[in-house]
Amino acid sequence: YEEFFGIRYPLPKLDMIAIPDFAMGAMENWGLVTFREVDLLCDAEKASFARQERVATVVAHELSHMWFGDLVTLSWWDQLWLKEGFARFMQHLSTDQGLYPEWRIWNYYITTCYERCLQMDGLRSSHPIEVEIHRAHDVEQVFDAISYDKGSQMVRMLYAILGPDTFREGCQLYTRKYQYGSTVTAQLWEAFEEASGRKLKDMMASWTEQMG
């Protein structure tokens, strides 16, 4: 991630703690990531492939948040997908290209994640990737397949359009410019426009601002 984002991890250390009774899969506190025990502790010689894959991708997801979500954070919950959709994308990209390329997890990601977001987005109860948040209760409702899976598939689409090098350059421009600050979605598109020399904001807004 340091190489990908072009910024060294800024804290002196990073701790990962397994908690026996933890409501979420994990939480990306900056410098101290907390996990359910089953999502961090794994005996590679005894665990099933599914268990190993789960641990690897959850850890990769949370570590990506040290840059996308913590170093640069969202201005408001409307922009939740900025950290969760991007982290869902990065957990598969980093596992496939860095940690365990022999798993070929990229193929699994494209089919299963894509199918999940299509199924949920086809429901009348679906919502745009970006949705206005007015009450605390509304925040919980957007931690769903639209923010995570559809958001990540939109990032994957942009990755395919721009290519790996230009995409990485856009990510580096974004994290360098906004480190220790908060952003909205339009600022991410501006970074990719600067890296690619292409107009992207209107095209990408059509995916974030409406259902389907």
N, C-alpha and C. Protein backbone atom coordinates (compact mmCIF):
# COMPACT_ATOMS: atom_id res chain seq x y z
N TYR A 1 0.82 -1.21 0.00
CA TYR A 1 0.00 0.00 0.00
C TYR A 1 0.86 1.27 0.00
N GLU A 2 1.99 1.24 0.69
CA GLU A 2 2.89 2.40 0.67
C GLU A 2 3.34 2.69 -0.76
N GLU A 3 3.68 1.66 -1.49
CA GLU A 3 4.10 1.83 -2.88
C GLU A 3 2.94 2.25 -3.76
N PHE A 4 1.77 1.66 -3.54
CA PHE A 4 0.62 1.95 -4.38
C PHE A 4 0.17 3.40 -4.21
N PHE A 5 0.05 3.85 -2.96
CA PHE A 5 -0.44 5.20 -2.70
C PHE A 5 0.66 6.26 -2.72
N GLY A 6 1.91 5.82 -2.73
CA GLY A 6 3.02 6.77 -2.80
C GLY A 6 3.25 7.54 -1.52
N ILE A 7 2.72 7.05 -0.40
CA ILE A 7 2.89 7.70 0.89
C ILE A 7 3.21 6.63 1.93
N ARG A 8 4.28 6.83 2.67
CA ARG A 8 4.62 5.88 3.72
C ARG A 8 3.58 5.91 4.82
N TYR A 9 3.35 4.76 5.44
CA TYR A 9 2.45 4.71 6.59
C TYR A 9 2.98 5.68 7.64
N PRO A 10 2.19 6.68 8.06
CA PRO A 10 2.73 7.79 8.84
C PRO A 10 2.91 7.54 10.33
N LEU A 11 2.35 6.47 10.86
CA LEU A 11 2.45 6.23 12.30
C LEU A 11 3.65 5.33 12.61
N PRO A 12 4.16 5.37 13.84
CA PRO A 12 5.34 4.55 14.18
C PRO A 12 5.07 3.06 14.21
N LYS A 13 3.82 2.64 14.40
CA LYS A 13 3.50 1.21 14.40
C LYS A 13 2.03 1.01 14.06
N LEU A 14 1.69 -0.24 13.76
CA LEU A 14 0.30 -0.62 13.49
C LEU A 14 0.01 -1.91 14.25
N ASP A 15 -0.98 -1.88 15.12
CA ASP A 15 -1.38 -3.05 15.89
C ASP A 15 -2.69 -3.61 15.34
N MET A 16 -2.79 -4.94 15.37
CA MET A 16 -4.04 -5.61 15.00
C MET A 16 -4.44 -6.51 16.16
N ILE A 17 -5.64 -6.32 16.67
CA ILE A 17 -6.08 -7.01 17.88
C ILE A 17 -7.32 -7.85 17.58
N ALA A 18 -7.29 -9.11 18.01
CA ALA A 18 -8.45 -10.01 17.88
C ALA A 18 -9.29 -9.91 19.14
N ILE A 19 -10.59 -9.68 18.97
CA ILE A 19 -11.52 -9.53 20.09
C ILE A 19 -12.54 -10.66 20.04
N PRO A 20 -12.72 -11.40 21.13
CA PRO A 20 -13.65 -12.55 21.12
C PRO A 20 -15.09 -12.18 20.78
N ASP A 21 -15.56 -11.07 21.33
CA ASP A 21 -16.96 -10.68 21.13
C ASP A 21 -16.98 -9.28 20.53
N PHE A 22 -17.08 -9.23 19.19
CA PHE A 22 -17.00 -7.96 18.48
C PHE A 22 -18.10 -7.91 17.44
N ALA A 23 -18.91 -6.86 17.46
CA ALA A 23 -20.11 -6.82 16.63
C ALA A 23 -19.79 -6.80 15.14
N MET A 24 -18.74 -6.10 14.74
CA MET A 24 -18.40 -5.97 13.33
C MET A 24 -17.29 -6.95 12.97
N GLY A 25 -17.09 -7.13 11.66
CA GLY A 25 -15.99 -7.97 11.22
C GLY A 25 -14.66 -7.39 11.65
N ALA A 26 -14.54 -6.06 11.48
CA ALA A 26 -13.31 -5.36 11.87
C ALA A 26 -13.60 -3.87 11.89
N MET A 27 -12.69 -3.13 12.52
CA MET A 27 -12.82 -1.67 12.58
C MET A 27 -11.44 -1.06 12.39
N GLU A 28 -11.35 -0.13 11.43
CA GLU A 28 -10.06 0.40 10.99
C GLU A 28 -9.58 1.61 11.79
N ASN A 29 -9.60 1.54 13.11
CA ASN A 29 -9.04 2.63 13.91
C ASN A 29 -7.60 2.88 13.47
N TRP A 30 -7.23 4.14 13.33
CA TRP A 30 -5.92 4.46 12.77
C TRP A 30 -4.82 4.01 13.71
N GLY A 31 -4.05 3.04 13.27
CA GLY A 31 -2.94 2.52 14.05
C GLY A 31 -3.30 1.37 14.97
N LEU A 32 -4.60 1.10 15.13
CA LEU A 32 -5.04 0.01 16.01
C LEU A 32 -6.30 -0.61 15.42
N VAL A 33 -6.13 -1.61 14.58
CA VAL A 33 -7.27 -2.24 13.90
C VAL A 33 -7.79 -3.38 14.77
N THR A 34 -9.09 -3.37 15.02
CA THR A 34 -9.72 -4.42 15.83
C THR A 34 -10.50 -5.36 14.93
N PHE A 35 -10.44 -6.67 15.25
CA PHE A 35 -11.07 -7.71 14.44
C PHE A 35 -11.86 -8.66 15.33
N ARG A 36 -12.87 -9.29 14.74
CA ARG A 36 -13.37 -10.52 15.35
C ARG A 36 -12.24 -11.54 15.30
N GLU A 37 -12.20 -12.41 16.28
CA GLU A 37 -11.14 -13.43 16.29
C GLU A 37 -11.12 -14.23 14.99
N VAL A 38 -12.30 -14.61 14.50
CA VAL A 38 -12.36 -15.48 13.31
C VAL A 38 -11.90 -14.76 12.05
N ASP A 39 -11.84 -13.43 12.08
CA ASP A 39 -11.42 -12.68 10.91
C ASP A 39 -9.96 -12.25 10.96
N LEU A 40 -9.24 -12.71 11.99
CA LEU A 40 -7.81 -12.38 12.09
C LEU A 40 -6.95 -13.60 12.37
N LEU A 41 -7.41 -14.48 13.26
CA LEU A 41 -6.60 -15.63 13.67
C LEU A 41 -6.91 -16.83 12.79
N CYS A 42 -5.84 -17.43 12.25
CA CYS A 42 -6.04 -18.52 11.29
C CYS A 42 -4.79 -19.40 11.25
N ASP A 43 -4.97 -20.70 11.34
CA ASP A 43 -3.89 -21.67 11.18
C ASP A 43 -3.90 -22.13 9.73
N ALA A 44 -2.94 -21.66 8.96
CA ALA A 44 -2.93 -21.94 7.52
C ALA A 44 -2.83 -23.42 7.21
N GLU A 45 -2.28 -24.21 8.12
CA GLU A 45 -2.13 -25.64 7.86
C GLU A 45 -3.42 -26.41 8.11
N LYS A 46 -4.33 -25.83 8.86
CA LYS A 46 -5.56 -26.54 9.20
C LYS A 46 -6.82 -25.87 8.63
N ALA A 47 -6.77 -24.60 8.39
CA ALA A 47 -7.96 -23.86 7.97
C ALA A 47 -8.33 -24.17 6.53
N SER A 48 -9.61 -24.09 6.23
CA SER A 48 -10.08 -24.27 4.86
C SER A 48 -9.63 -23.08 4.01
N PHE A 49 -9.69 -23.27 2.69
CA PHE A 49 -9.34 -22.15 1.81
C PHE A 49 -10.26 -20.96 2.04
N ALA A 50 -11.55 -21.22 2.24
CA ALA A 50 -12.51 -20.13 2.45
C ALA A 50 -12.13 -19.30 3.67
N ARG A 51 -11.68 -19.98 4.73
CA ARG A 51 -11.29 -19.27 5.94
C ARG A 51 -10.03 -18.44 5.69
N GLN A 52 -9.06 -19.02 5.01
CA GLN A 52 -7.83 -18.28 4.71
C GLN A 52 -8.12 -17.07 3.84
N GLU A 53 -8.99 -17.27 2.86
CA GLU A 53 -9.35 -16.17 1.96
C GLU A 53 -10.05 -15.06 2.72
N ARG A 54 -10.93 -15.43 3.64
CA ARG A 54 -11.65 -14.44 4.44
C ARG A 54 -10.68 -13.61 5.28
N VAL A 55 -9.76 -14.27 5.97
CA VAL A 55 -8.81 -13.55 6.82
C VAL A 55 -7.92 -12.62 5.98
N ALA A 56 -7.41 -13.13 4.87
CA ALA A 56 -6.51 -12.32 4.03
C ALA A 56 -7.21 -11.08 3.49
N THR A 57 -8.44 -11.23 3.01
CA THR A 57 -9.12 -10.09 2.42
C THR A 57 -9.63 -9.10 3.46
N VAL A 58 -10.04 -9.59 4.62
CA VAL A 58 -10.47 -8.66 5.68
C VAL A 58 -9.29 -7.83 6.16
N VAL A 59 -8.15 -8.48 6.38
CA VAL A 59 -6.95 -7.74 6.81
C VAL A 59 -6.55 -6.74 5.73
N ALA A 60 -6.55 -7.16 4.46
CA ALA A 60 -6.19 -6.25 3.37
C ALA A 60 -7.16 -5.08 3.28
N HIS A 61 -8.44 -5.35 3.51
CA HIS A 61 -9.46 -4.30 3.50
C HIS A 61 -9.16 -3.25 4.57
N GLU A 62 -8.91 -3.71 5.78
CA GLU A 62 -8.70 -2.77 6.88
C GLU A 62 -7.39 -2.00 6.72
N LEU A 63 -6.36 -2.65 6.22
CA LEU A 63 -5.08 -1.96 6.03
C LEU A 63 -5.19 -0.87 4.97
N SER A 64 -5.99 -1.11 3.93
CA SER A 64 -6.15 -0.07 2.91
C SER A 64 -6.80 1.18 3.49
N HIS A 65 -7.61 1.00 4.53
CA HIS A 65 -8.25 2.14 5.18
C HIS A 65 -7.24 3.07 5.84
N MET A 66 -6.05 2.60 6.14
CA MET A 66 -5.06 3.48 6.76
C MET A 66 -4.76 4.67 5.84
N TRP A 67 -4.95 4.48 4.53
CA TRP A 67 -4.79 5.56 3.56
C TRP A 67 -6.15 6.09 3.12
N PHE A 68 -7.00 5.22 2.62
CA PHE A 68 -8.32 5.60 2.11
C PHE A 68 -9.35 5.41 3.22
N GLY A 69 -9.57 6.44 4.01
CA GLY A 69 -10.52 6.34 5.10
C GLY A 69 -10.00 6.99 6.37
N ASP A 70 -8.68 6.84 6.61
CA ASP A 70 -8.08 7.43 7.80
C ASP A 70 -7.16 8.61 7.45
N LEU A 71 -6.14 8.36 6.63
CA LEU A 71 -5.27 9.45 6.19
C LEU A 71 -6.07 10.49 5.41
N VAL A 72 -6.92 10.03 4.52
CA VAL A 72 -7.91 10.87 3.83
C VAL A 72 -9.27 10.31 4.19
N THR A 73 -10.12 11.13 4.75
CA THR A 73 -11.41 10.63 5.20
C THR A 73 -12.55 11.32 4.46
N LEU A 74 -13.77 10.91 4.76
CA LEU A 74 -14.93 11.45 4.07
C LEU A 74 -15.49 12.67 4.80
N SER A 75 -16.03 13.61 4.04
CA SER A 75 -16.57 14.83 4.64
C SER A 75 -17.83 14.54 5.44
N TRP A 76 -18.65 13.62 4.96
CA TRP A 76 -19.88 13.27 5.66
C TRP A 76 -20.29 11.87 5.22
N TRP A 77 -21.25 11.27 5.90
CA TRP A 77 -21.65 9.89 5.64
C TRP A 77 -22.24 9.69 4.25
N ASP A 78 -22.66 10.77 3.60
CA ASP A 78 -23.10 10.67 2.20
C ASP A 78 -22.02 10.01 1.35
N GLN A 79 -20.78 10.23 1.74
CA GLN A 79 -19.63 9.76 0.97
C GLN A 79 -19.07 8.43 1.48
N LEU A 80 -19.88 7.66 2.21
CA LEU A 80 -19.38 6.42 2.81
C LEU A 80 -18.68 5.52 1.80
N TRP A 81 -19.21 5.45 0.59
CA TRP A 81 -18.65 4.56 -0.41
C TRP A 81 -17.18 4.89 -0.70
N LEU A 82 -16.78 6.16 -0.48
CA LEU A 82 -15.41 6.57 -0.77
C LEU A 82 -14.40 5.71 -0.03
N LYS A 83 -14.73 5.34 1.21
CA LYS A 83 -13.80 4.50 1.94
C LYS A 83 -14.15 3.02 1.85
N GLU A 84 -15.43 2.68 1.88
CA GLU A 84 -15.79 1.26 1.90
C GLU A 84 -15.77 0.63 0.51
N GLY A 85 -16.26 1.32 -0.49
CA GLY A 85 -16.19 0.78 -1.84
C GLY A 85 -14.76 0.66 -2.32
N PHE A 86 -13.95 1.67 -1.99
CA PHE A 86 -12.56 1.63 -2.40
C PHE A 86 -11.79 0.55 -1.67
N ALA A 87 -12.06 0.39 -0.37
CA ALA A 87 -11.38 -0.66 0.39
C ALA A 87 -11.78 -2.05 -0.09
N ARG A 88 -13.05 -2.22 -0.48
CA ARG A 88 -13.48 -3.52 -1.02
C ARG A 88 -12.73 -3.83 -2.31
N PHE A 89 -12.53 -2.82 -3.15
CA PHE A 89 -11.74 -3.00 -4.37
C PHE A 89 -10.30 -3.34 -4.04
N MET A 90 -9.69 -2.57 -3.13
CA MET A 90 -8.28 -2.75 -2.83
C MET A 90 -8.00 -4.09 -2.15
N GLN A 91 -8.94 -4.60 -1.36
CA GLN A 91 -8.69 -5.88 -0.69
C GLN A 91 -8.50 -6.99 -1.70
N HIS A 92 -9.23 -6.93 -2.80
CA HIS A 92 -9.10 -7.96 -3.84
C HIS A 92 -7.90 -7.70 -4.75
N LEU A 93 -7.66 -6.43 -5.08
CA LEU A 93 -6.52 -6.12 -5.93
C LEU A 93 -5.21 -6.49 -5.24
N SER A 94 -5.07 -6.13 -3.97
CA SER A 94 -3.81 -6.41 -3.27
C SER A 94 -3.62 -7.89 -2.99
N THR A 95 -4.71 -8.60 -2.70
CA THR A 95 -4.60 -10.05 -2.49
C THR A 95 -4.23 -10.75 -3.78
N ASP A 96 -4.82 -10.32 -4.89
CA ASP A 96 -4.58 -10.97 -6.17
C ASP A 96 -3.19 -10.64 -6.72
N GLN A 97 -2.76 -9.41 -6.62
CA GLN A 97 -1.51 -9.00 -7.25
C GLN A 97 -0.30 -9.03 -6.32
N GLY A 98 -0.56 -9.08 -5.00
CA GLY A 98 0.56 -9.03 -4.08
C GLY A 98 0.68 -10.21 -3.14
N LEU A 99 -0.41 -10.54 -2.46
CA LEU A 99 -0.33 -11.54 -1.40
C LEU A 99 -0.38 -12.97 -1.92
N TYR A 100 -1.46 -13.31 -2.63
CA TYR A 100 -1.67 -14.69 -3.07
C TYR A 100 -2.17 -14.74 -4.51
N PRO A 101 -1.31 -14.42 -5.48
CA PRO A 101 -1.76 -14.45 -6.88
C PRO A 101 -2.21 -15.83 -7.33
N GLU A 102 -1.70 -16.87 -6.68
CA GLU A 102 -2.09 -18.24 -7.07
C GLU A 102 -3.55 -18.52 -6.74
N TRP A 103 -4.17 -17.74 -5.88
CA TRP A 103 -5.58 -17.94 -5.55
C TRP A 103 -6.51 -17.50 -6.68
N ARG A 104 -6.02 -16.62 -7.55
CA ARG A 104 -6.84 -16.07 -8.64
C ARG A 104 -8.13 -15.46 -8.11
N ILE A 105 -8.00 -14.73 -7.04
CA ILE A 105 -9.18 -14.18 -6.37
C ILE A 105 -9.86 -13.08 -7.18
N TRP A 106 -9.14 -12.51 -8.14
CA TRP A 106 -9.74 -11.46 -8.97
C TRP A 106 -10.94 -11.98 -9.75
N ASN A 107 -10.83 -13.20 -10.25
CA ASN A 107 -11.96 -13.78 -10.99
C ASN A 107 -13.16 -13.98 -10.09
N TYR A 108 -12.91 -14.44 -8.86
CA TYR A 108 -13.98 -14.63 -7.89
C TYR A 108 -14.62 -13.29 -7.54
N TYR A 109 -13.80 -12.29 -7.37
CA TYR A 109 -14.30 -10.96 -7.02
C TYR A 109 -15.23 -10.40 -8.09
N ILE A 110 -14.82 -10.51 -9.33
CA ILE A 110 -15.62 -9.95 -10.42
C ILE A 110 -17.00 -10.60 -10.48
N THR A 111 -17.06 -11.90 -10.32
CA THR A 111 -18.34 -12.59 -10.46
C THR A 111 -19.22 -12.45 -9.23
N THR A 112 -18.69 -12.73 -8.04
CA THR A 112 -19.55 -12.75 -6.85
C THR A 112 -19.94 -11.34 -6.39
N CYS A 113 -18.99 -10.44 -6.35
CA CYS A 113 -19.28 -9.08 -5.90
C CYS A 113 -20.20 -8.37 -6.88
N TYR A 114 -19.96 -8.58 -8.15
CA TYR A 114 -20.79 -7.98 -9.20
C TYR A 114 -22.22 -8.50 -9.10
N GLU A 115 -22.36 -9.79 -8.87
CA GLU A 115 -23.70 -10.39 -8.76
C GLU A 115 -24.44 -9.86 -7.54
N ARG A 116 -23.75 -9.73 -6.42
CA ARG A 116 -24.40 -9.22 -5.20
C ARG A 116 -24.94 -7.81 -5.40
N CYS A 117 -24.15 -6.96 -6.01
CA CYS A 117 -24.62 -5.58 -6.16
C CYS A 117 -25.74 -5.48 -7.18
N LEU A 118 -25.73 -6.33 -8.20
CA LEU A 118 -26.83 -6.34 -9.17
C LEU A 118 -28.13 -6.78 -8.51
N GLN A 119 -28.03 -7.81 -7.68
CA GLN A 119 -29.23 -8.31 -7.00
C GLN A 119 -29.84 -7.25 -6.10
N MET A 120 -29.02 -6.58 -5.32
CA MET A 120 -29.56 -5.57 -4.40
C MET A 120 -30.02 -4.33 -5.15
N ASP A 121 -29.30 -3.96 -6.20
CA ASP A 121 -29.66 -2.76 -6.94
C ASP A 121 -30.93 -2.95 -7.76
N GLY A 122 -31.34 -4.20 -7.94
CA GLY A 122 -32.57 -4.48 -8.66
C GLY A 122 -33.81 -4.40 -7.79
N LEU A 123 -33.63 -4.20 -6.49
CA LEU A 123 -34.76 -4.12 -5.57
C LEU A 123 -35.32 -2.70 -5.52
N ARG A 124 -36.62 -2.61 -5.25
CA ARG A 124 -37.25 -1.30 -5.12
C ARG A 124 -36.68 -0.53 -3.93
N SER A 125 -36.19 -1.25 -2.95
CA SER A 125 -35.64 -0.62 -1.74
C SER A 125 -34.19 -0.18 -1.91
N SER A 126 -33.63 -0.32 -3.09
CA SER A 126 -32.25 0.08 -3.33
C SER A 126 -32.10 1.60 -3.22
N HIS A 127 -30.89 2.08 -3.35
CA HIS A 127 -30.62 3.51 -3.24
C HIS A 127 -29.37 3.84 -4.05
N PRO A 128 -29.16 5.11 -4.40
CA PRO A 128 -27.92 5.49 -5.07
C PRO A 128 -26.71 5.22 -4.18
N ILE A 129 -25.55 5.16 -4.77
CA ILE A 129 -24.33 4.98 -3.98
C ILE A 129 -24.17 6.13 -2.99
N GLU A 130 -24.43 7.33 -3.46
CA GLU A 130 -24.42 8.49 -2.57
C GLU A 130 -25.85 8.82 -2.18
N VAL A 131 -26.13 8.81 -0.90
CA VAL A 131 -27.48 9.08 -0.41
C VAL A 131 -27.38 10.07 0.75
N GLU A 132 -28.29 11.02 0.78
CA GLU A 132 -28.24 12.04 1.83
C GLU A 132 -28.51 11.42 3.20
N ILE A 133 -27.69 11.80 4.16
CA ILE A 133 -27.81 11.31 5.53
C ILE A 133 -28.20 12.49 6.43
N HIS A 134 -29.35 12.37 7.09
CA HIS A 134 -29.84 13.44 7.94
C HIS A 134 -29.92 13.04 9.41
N ARG A 135 -30.00 11.73 9.68
CA ARG A 135 -30.14 11.26 11.06
C ARG A 135 -29.12 10.16 11.32
N ALA A 136 -28.77 9.99 12.58
CA ALA A 136 -27.81 8.95 12.95
C ALA A 136 -28.30 7.57 12.52
N HIS A 137 -29.60 7.34 12.61
CA HIS A 137 -30.16 6.05 12.23
C HIS A 137 -29.90 5.74 10.76
N ASP A 138 -29.85 6.77 9.93
CA ASP A 138 -29.67 6.57 8.49
C ASP A 138 -28.28 6.02 8.16
N VAL A 139 -27.31 6.28 9.02
CA VAL A 139 -25.94 5.85 8.73
C VAL A 139 -25.86 4.34 8.62
N GLU A 140 -26.47 3.64 9.56
CA GLU A 140 -26.42 2.17 9.56
C GLU A 140 -26.99 1.59 8.27
N GLN A 141 -27.98 2.25 7.70
CA GLN A 141 -28.66 1.71 6.53
C GLN A 141 -27.79 1.68 5.27
N VAL A 142 -26.77 2.53 5.23
CA VAL A 142 -25.95 2.59 4.01
C VAL A 142 -24.69 1.72 4.10
N PHE A 143 -24.51 1.01 5.20
CA PHE A 143 -23.44 0.02 5.27
C PHE A 143 -23.96 -1.27 4.64
N ASP A 144 -24.08 -1.28 3.32
CA ASP A 144 -24.72 -2.38 2.63
C ASP A 144 -23.99 -2.69 1.33
N ALA A 145 -24.57 -3.59 0.54
CA ALA A 145 -23.93 -4.03 -0.70
C ALA A 145 -23.81 -2.92 -1.73
N ILE A 146 -24.65 -1.90 -1.65
CA ILE A 146 -24.55 -0.79 -2.59
C ILE A 146 -23.27 0.00 -2.31
N SER A 147 -23.05 0.37 -1.07
CA SER A 147 -21.85 1.14 -0.73
C SER A 147 -20.58 0.32 -0.93
N TYR A 148 -20.60 -0.94 -0.51
CA TYR A 148 -19.41 -1.79 -0.59
C TYR A 148 -19.22 -2.39 -1.98
N ASP A 149 -20.19 -3.14 -2.44
CA ASP A 149 -20.01 -3.92 -3.66
C ASP A 149 -20.20 -3.09 -4.93
N LYS A 150 -21.32 -2.34 -5.01
CA LYS A 150 -21.49 -1.50 -6.19
C LYS A 150 -20.42 -0.42 -6.23
N GLY A 151 -20.11 0.14 -5.06
CA GLY A 151 -19.04 1.13 -5.01
C GLY A 151 -17.72 0.57 -5.51
N SER A 152 -17.40 -0.64 -5.10
CA SER A 152 -16.13 -1.25 -5.53
C SER A 152 -16.14 -1.61 -7.00
N GLN A 153 -17.29 -2.02 -7.52
CA GLN A 153 -17.38 -2.34 -8.94
C GLN A 153 -17.25 -1.09 -9.80
N MET A 154 -17.70 0.04 -9.29
CA MET A 154 -17.51 1.29 -10.01
C MET A 154 -16.03 1.66 -10.05
N VAL A 155 -15.33 1.43 -8.94
CA VAL A 155 -13.88 1.66 -8.91
C VAL A 155 -13.18 0.71 -9.88
N ARG A 156 -13.63 -0.54 -9.91
CA ARG A 156 -13.03 -1.52 -10.83
C ARG A 156 -13.24 -1.09 -12.28
N MET A 157 -14.42 -0.55 -12.59
CA MET A 157 -14.69 -0.06 -13.94
C MET A 157 -13.71 1.05 -14.31
N LEU A 158 -13.48 1.97 -13.38
CA LEU A 158 -12.54 3.06 -13.64
C LEU A 158 -11.12 2.53 -13.81
N TYR A 159 -10.76 1.54 -13.01
CA TYR A 159 -9.45 0.89 -13.11
C TYR A 159 -9.26 0.28 -14.51
N ALA A 160 -10.32 -0.34 -15.02
CA ALA A 160 -10.25 -0.95 -16.36
C ALA A 160 -10.17 0.11 -17.45
N ILE A 161 -10.86 1.22 -17.28
CA ILE A 161 -10.86 2.29 -18.28
C ILE A 161 -9.50 2.98 -18.34
N LEU A 162 -8.95 3.30 -17.19
CA LEU A 162 -7.71 4.09 -17.14
C LEU A 162 -6.45 3.25 -17.26
N GLY A 163 -6.52 2.00 -16.83
CA GLY A 163 -5.33 1.16 -16.79
C GLY A 163 -4.64 1.28 -15.44
N PRO A 164 -3.87 0.27 -15.06
CA PRO A 164 -3.26 0.24 -13.71
C PRO A 164 -2.38 1.44 -13.39
N ASP A 165 -1.54 1.88 -14.33
CA ASP A 165 -0.59 2.94 -14.03
C ASP A 165 -1.28 4.29 -13.81
N THR A 166 -2.19 4.64 -14.71
CA THR A 166 -2.90 5.91 -14.58
C THR A 166 -3.81 5.90 -13.36
N PHE A 167 -4.43 4.76 -13.10
CA PHE A 167 -5.29 4.65 -11.92
C PHE A 167 -4.47 4.88 -10.66
N ARG A 168 -3.31 4.24 -10.57
CA ARG A 168 -2.45 4.41 -9.40
C ARG A 168 -1.98 5.86 -9.27
N GLU A 169 -1.68 6.49 -10.39
CA GLU A 169 -1.26 7.90 -10.35
C GLU A 169 -2.39 8.78 -9.80
N GLY A 170 -3.63 8.49 -10.21
CA GLY A 170 -4.77 9.25 -9.69
C GLY A 170 -4.93 9.07 -8.20
N CYS A 171 -4.75 7.85 -7.72
CA CYS A 171 -4.85 7.58 -6.28
C CYS A 171 -3.77 8.33 -5.52
N GLN A 172 -2.56 8.38 -6.08
CA GLN A 172 -1.47 9.07 -5.41
C GLN A 172 -1.68 10.58 -5.38
N LEU A 173 -2.21 11.14 -6.47
CA LEU A 173 -2.53 12.57 -6.49
C LEU A 173 -3.56 12.90 -5.42
N TYR A 174 -4.56 12.05 -5.32
CA TYR A 174 -5.65 12.25 -4.36
C TYR A 174 -5.15 12.17 -2.92
N THR A 175 -4.40 11.14 -2.58
CA THR A 175 -3.95 10.98 -1.20
C THR A 175 -2.91 12.04 -0.81
N ARG A 176 -2.04 12.41 -1.73
CA ARG A 176 -1.06 13.45 -1.42
C ARG A 176 -1.73 14.81 -1.19
N LYS A 177 -2.71 15.13 -2.03
CA LYS A 177 -3.35 16.43 -1.96
C LYS A 177 -4.23 16.58 -0.72
N TYR A 178 -4.90 15.48 -0.34
CA TYR A 178 -5.91 15.59 0.71
C TYR A 178 -5.54 14.87 2.01
N GLN A 179 -4.27 14.46 2.14
CA GLN A 179 -3.88 13.75 3.36
C GLN A 179 -4.15 14.61 4.59
N TYR A 180 -4.62 13.97 5.65
CA TYR A 180 -5.02 14.62 6.90
C TYR A 180 -6.22 15.55 6.72
N GLY A 181 -6.99 15.29 5.67
CA GLY A 181 -8.18 16.10 5.42
C GLY A 181 -9.37 15.23 5.06
N SER A 182 -10.47 15.89 4.73
CA SER A 182 -11.69 15.19 4.33
C SER A 182 -12.10 15.63 2.93
N THR A 183 -12.80 14.75 2.23
CA THR A 183 -13.13 15.02 0.83
C THR A 183 -14.57 14.63 0.52
N VAL A 184 -14.98 15.04 -0.69
CA VAL A 184 -16.23 14.56 -1.28
C VAL A 184 -15.87 13.83 -2.57
N THR A 185 -16.84 13.13 -3.13
CA THR A 185 -16.58 12.28 -4.30
C THR A 185 -15.99 13.07 -5.47
N ALA A 186 -16.48 14.27 -5.70
CA ALA A 186 -16.02 15.06 -6.85
C ALA A 186 -14.52 15.28 -6.82
N GLN A 187 -13.94 15.37 -5.64
CA GLN A 187 -12.49 15.59 -5.54
C GLN A 187 -11.69 14.36 -5.95
N LEU A 188 -12.27 13.19 -5.76
CA LEU A 188 -11.62 11.97 -6.25
C LEU A 188 -11.62 11.95 -7.77
N TRP A 189 -12.76 12.29 -8.38
CA TRP A 189 -12.82 12.31 -9.84
C TRP A 189 -11.85 13.34 -10.41
N GLU A 190 -11.71 14.48 -9.74
CA GLU A 190 -10.78 15.51 -10.22
C GLU A 190 -9.34 14.99 -10.24
N ALA A 191 -8.98 14.19 -9.25
CA ALA A 191 -7.63 13.62 -9.21
C ALA A 191 -7.42 12.66 -10.38
N PHE A 192 -8.43 11.85 -10.68
CA PHE A 192 -8.31 10.93 -11.81
C PHE A 192 -8.33 11.69 -13.14
N GLU A 193 -9.07 12.78 -13.21
CA GLU A 193 -9.07 13.60 -14.43
C GLU A 193 -7.69 14.21 -14.65
N GLU A 194 -7.07 14.68 -13.59
CA GLU A 194 -5.72 15.25 -13.71
C GLU A 194 -4.71 14.20 -14.15
N ALA A 195 -4.83 12.99 -13.61
CA ALA A 195 -3.89 11.92 -13.95
C ALA A 195 -4.06 11.44 -15.39
N SER A 196 -5.31 11.42 -15.85
CA SER A 196 -5.60 10.81 -17.16
C SER A 196 -5.77 11.81 -18.29
N GLY A 197 -6.06 13.08 -17.95
CA GLY A 197 -6.36 14.06 -18.99
C GLY A 197 -7.71 13.83 -19.64
N ARG A 198 -8.59 13.10 -18.96
CA ARG A 198 -9.91 12.77 -19.51
C ARG A 198 -11.00 13.34 -18.61
N LYS A 199 -12.15 13.66 -19.22
CA LYS A 199 -13.30 14.13 -18.47
C LYS A 199 -14.05 12.92 -17.91
N LEU A 200 -14.12 12.84 -16.59
CA LEU A 200 -14.70 11.65 -15.95
C LEU A 200 -15.85 11.98 -15.02
N LYS A 201 -15.90 13.21 -14.51
CA LYS A 201 -16.81 13.54 -13.42
C LYS A 201 -18.27 13.27 -13.78
N ASP A 202 -18.72 13.74 -14.95
CA ASP A 202 -20.12 13.56 -15.33
C ASP A 202 -20.46 12.09 -15.53
N MET A 203 -19.55 11.36 -16.16
CA MET A 203 -19.79 9.93 -16.39
C MET A 203 -19.91 9.18 -15.07
N MET A 204 -18.99 9.44 -14.15
CA MET A 204 -19.00 8.71 -12.89
C MET A 204 -20.16 9.14 -12.00
N ALA A 205 -20.58 10.41 -12.11
CA ALA A 205 -21.72 10.88 -11.31
C ALA A 205 -22.99 10.14 -11.68
N SER A 206 -23.09 9.70 -12.93
CA SER A 206 -24.28 8.96 -13.34
C SER A 206 -24.39 7.63 -12.61
N TRP A 207 -23.27 7.12 -12.10
CA TRP A 207 -23.27 5.87 -11.34
C TRP A 207 -23.46 6.10 -9.85
N THR A 208 -23.01 7.23 -9.35
CA THR A 208 -23.09 7.46 -7.90
C THR A 208 -24.39 8.12 -7.47
N GLU A 209 -25.04 8.84 -8.36
CA GLU A 209 -26.16 9.68 -7.95
C GLU A 209 -27.53 9.12 -8.29
N GLN A 210 -27.59 7.95 -8.91
CA GLN A 210 -28.89 7.36 -9.22
C GLN A 210 -28.85 5.84 -9.04
N MET A 211 -30.01 5.27 -8.83
CA MET A 211 -30.12 3.82 -8.66
C MET A 211 -29.97 3.11 -10.01
N GLY A 212 -29.79 1.79 -9.91
CA GLY A 212 -29.81 0.97 -11.11
C GLY A 212 -28.49 0.89 -11.83
